[in-house]
Protein backbone atom coordinates (compact mmCIF):
# COMPACT_ATOMS: atom_id res chain seq x y z
CA MET A 1 0.23 0.11 0.43
CA LYS A 2 1.03 3.64 -1.16
CA THR A 3 1.52 6.17 1.73
CA MET A 4 0.36 9.75 1.21
CA VAL A 5 0.31 12.91 2.50
CA TYR A 6 -3.32 14.67 2.97
CA PHE A 7 -4.79 18.06 3.74
CA ILE A 8 -7.50 18.45 5.68
CA ARG A 9 -9.50 21.15 6.82
CA HIS A 10 -11.33 22.06 10.12
CA ASP A 11 -12.75 25.41 10.91
CA ALA A 12 -9.69 27.82 10.34
CA THR A 13 -7.39 25.76 10.12
CA ILE A 14 -5.69 22.96 7.65
CA LYS A 15 -3.77 19.29 9.15
CA ILE A 16 -0.90 18.53 6.79
CA GLY A 17 -0.20 14.92 8.02
CA TYR A 18 1.33 11.37 6.47
CA THR A 19 -0.78 7.70 6.39
CA ALA A 20 -1.04 4.49 4.56
CA ASP A 21 -4.67 4.24 5.32
CA LEU A 22 -6.64 7.35 4.60
CA THR A 23 -10.25 6.12 5.26
CA SER A 24 -9.12 5.50 9.25
CA ARG A 25 -7.24 8.48 9.74
CA LEU A 26 -9.87 10.54 9.09
CA ALA A 27 -12.20 8.81 11.10
CA GLY A 28 -9.86 9.00 13.80
CA ILE A 29 -9.75 13.00 13.19
CA ARG A 30 -13.35 13.30 13.53
CA ARG A 31 -13.41 11.07 16.45
CA ASP A 32 -10.80 13.23 18.24
CA GLY A 33 -13.32 16.19 18.05
CA LYS A 34 -12.90 17.44 14.69
CA ARG A 35 -16.15 16.56 13.79
CA GLY A 36 -16.43 18.95 10.67
CA ALA A 37 -13.33 17.90 9.48
CA GLU A 38 -13.00 17.94 5.29
CA PHE A 39 -10.61 16.15 3.15
CA ILE A 40 -9.35 18.65 0.70
CA ALA A 41 -6.75 16.36 -1.17
CA ALA A 42 -4.00 13.73 -0.48
CA VAL A 43 -0.91 12.84 -3.04
CA PHE A 44 1.56 9.91 -2.87
CA GLY A 45 4.34 11.01 -0.96
CA ASN A 46 5.95 9.73 2.35
CA ARG A 47 7.26 11.49 5.92
CA THR A 48 10.21 13.48 4.04
CA LEU A 49 7.58 15.48 1.85
CA GLU A 50 5.34 16.10 5.14
CA ARG A 51 8.13 17.23 7.03
CA ALA A 52 9.57 19.53 4.11
CA LEU A 53 6.22 20.65 3.96
CA HIS A 54 5.71 21.23 7.71
CA SER A 55 9.14 23.25 7.73
CA LYS A 56 8.35 25.84 5.23
CA LEU A 57 4.79 26.37 6.63
CA LYS A 58 6.64 26.55 10.56
CA ARG A 59 5.24 30.36 10.67
CA HIS A 60 1.47 29.37 10.16
CA ALA A 61 2.19 25.77 12.42
CA LEU A 62 -0.54 25.52 15.57
CA GLY A 63 0.26 22.52 16.94
CA GLY A 64 1.56 19.74 15.74
CA GLU A 65 0.54 18.93 12.50
CA TRP A 66 -2.14 21.94 12.29
CA PHE A 67 -1.70 25.06 10.71
CA ARG A 68 -3.87 28.38 10.22
CA ASP A 69 -5.87 28.17 7.14
CA CYS A 70 -3.99 30.74 5.14
CA ARG A 71 -3.00 32.22 1.47
CA ASP A 72 0.60 30.69 2.06
CA VAL A 73 -0.55 27.09 3.15
CA GLN A 74 -3.54 27.39 0.44
CA ALA A 75 -0.72 27.76 -1.86
CA ALA A 76 1.80 25.10 -0.88
CA ILE A 77 -1.12 22.91 -0.81
CA GLN A 78 -1.86 23.72 -4.80
CA ASN A 79 1.94 23.55 -5.66
CA THR A 80 2.29 19.78 -3.70
CA LEU A 81 -1.12 19.06 -6.20
CA ASN A 82 0.49 20.32 -9.01
CA ASN A 83 4.29 18.85 -8.38
CA PHE A 84 2.90 15.29 -7.03
CA GLU A 85 0.86 12.45 -8.15
CA ALA A 86 -2.75 12.70 -6.75
CA ALA A 87 -3.58 9.54 -4.59
CA ASP A 88 -6.83 7.88 -5.48
CA THR A 89 -8.25 8.06 -1.75
CA ASP A 90 -12.07 6.66 -3.27
CA LEU A 91 -13.12 8.41 0.06
CA PRO A 92 -16.58 8.13 0.39
CA LEU A 93 -19.04 11.15 0.55
CA ARG A 94 -21.22 10.59 3.42
CA ARG A 95 -22.86 14.31 3.55
CA ASN A 96 -26.43 12.97 4.80
CA ALA A 97 -24.02 11.02 7.77
CA SER A 98 -22.69 14.38 8.99
CA VAL A 99 -25.59 16.08 9.32
CA MET A 100 -27.17 13.05 11.34
CA ALA A 101 -24.23 13.47 13.23
CA GLU A 102 -24.85 16.83 13.51
CA ILE A 103 -28.80 16.01 14.66
CA ALA A 104 -27.55 13.77 17.37
CA ARG A 105 -25.09 16.55 19.02
CA LEU A 106 -27.73 18.83 19.21
CA LEU A 107 -30.30 16.49 20.96
CA TRP A 108 -27.15 14.86 22.79
CA PRO A 109 -24.28 17.58 23.59
CA MET A 110 -22.86 15.19 26.00
CA LYS A 111 -22.22 11.84 25.92
CA THR A 112 -23.86 11.65 22.04
CA ALA A 113 -22.31 8.52 21.58
CA ALA A 114 -23.67 6.79 24.63
CA GLU A 115 -27.45 8.73 24.56
CA LEU A 116 -27.38 7.28 20.71
CA ALA A 117 -26.38 3.59 21.55
CA ALA A 118 -28.65 2.85 24.31
CA LEU A 119 -31.80 4.33 22.43
CA VAL A 120 -30.68 2.12 19.05
CA GLY A 121 -29.55 -0.78 21.20
CA CYS A 122 -25.96 -1.39 20.14
CA THR A 123 -22.45 -0.78 21.18
CA GLU A 124 -21.26 2.57 21.87
CA ARG A 125 -18.51 1.84 19.34
CA ALA A 126 -21.14 1.41 16.62
CA ALA A 127 -22.65 4.30 17.68
CA GLU A 128 -19.23 6.41 17.78
CA ARG A 129 -18.58 4.99 13.51
CA TRP A 130 -22.37 6.34 12.32
CA LEU A 131 -21.06 9.79 14.49
CA CYS A 132 -17.49 10.11 12.72
CA GLY A 133 -19.02 8.88 9.34
CA ASP A 134 -16.74 5.72 9.46
CA ARG A 135 -20.25 3.86 8.95
CA ASP A 136 -23.43 4.68 7.13
CA TRP A 137 -26.39 5.01 9.80
CA SER A 138 -28.07 2.31 10.46
CA GLY A 139 -32.62 2.54 10.05
CA ASP A 140 -32.66 2.07 13.68
CA ALA A 141 -30.07 4.55 14.52
CA VAL A 142 -32.40 7.01 11.89
CA SER A 143 -35.49 6.33 13.96
CA ALA A 144 -34.11 6.83 16.90
CA LEU A 145 -33.23 10.64 16.13
CA LEU A 146 -36.36 11.14 14.19
CA ALA A 147 -38.73 9.37 17.45
CA GLU A 148 -36.38 11.68 19.76
CA ILE A 149 -36.99 14.70 17.67
CA LEU A 150 -40.72 14.39 17.97
CA LYS A 151 -40.64 13.21 21.63
CA ARG A 152 -39.33 16.87 22.38
CA HIS A 153 -41.35 18.77 19.90
CA GLY A 154 -44.51 17.03 22.30
CA MET A 155 -45.57 14.33 19.90
CA ARG A 156 -45.21 11.32 22.03
CA ASN A 157 -47.88 9.24 20.54
CA ALA A 158 -45.82 9.41 17.34
CA ARG A 159 -43.88 5.80 16.37
CA VAL A 160 -41.15 6.19 14.34
CA ILE A 161 -40.23 2.35 13.47
CA ALA A 162 -37.45 1.13 10.63
CA ARG A 163 -38.38 -0.67 7.61
CA GLU A 164 -37.11 -4.42 6.94
């Protein structure tokens, strides 16, 4: 498996990292509190390329592999994309998953995965995977969110049943 240098945006920051498994790495970043993390691009490369980018952009460093999202950083990313082979990432776009996760976090700001798991009747790990976009949401999980919304809006007689 080829290694790659990747670029991820979160709020006004950009992460420049190195990995052999981008899907798992992005899921881990989202689990680590960067829930709105957005994949920008990746090129085939190694730690040497990653370190060279970090060195070039050190005045914009915020700590670790995170940098301010500014023109210099964006130019460095574009230059890298122009000069290195783009990595075929095949990352699934799970826009609905992020919307569902945001709704879940609004419903349960604390211990979101635990609350969701209890309602759905699954493991907390499964709920974490839905929340970080690592897995598609099950029908039961979507039904649990909808039922909770209806309950909170006084529609206690409404029942939501997942289709089989």
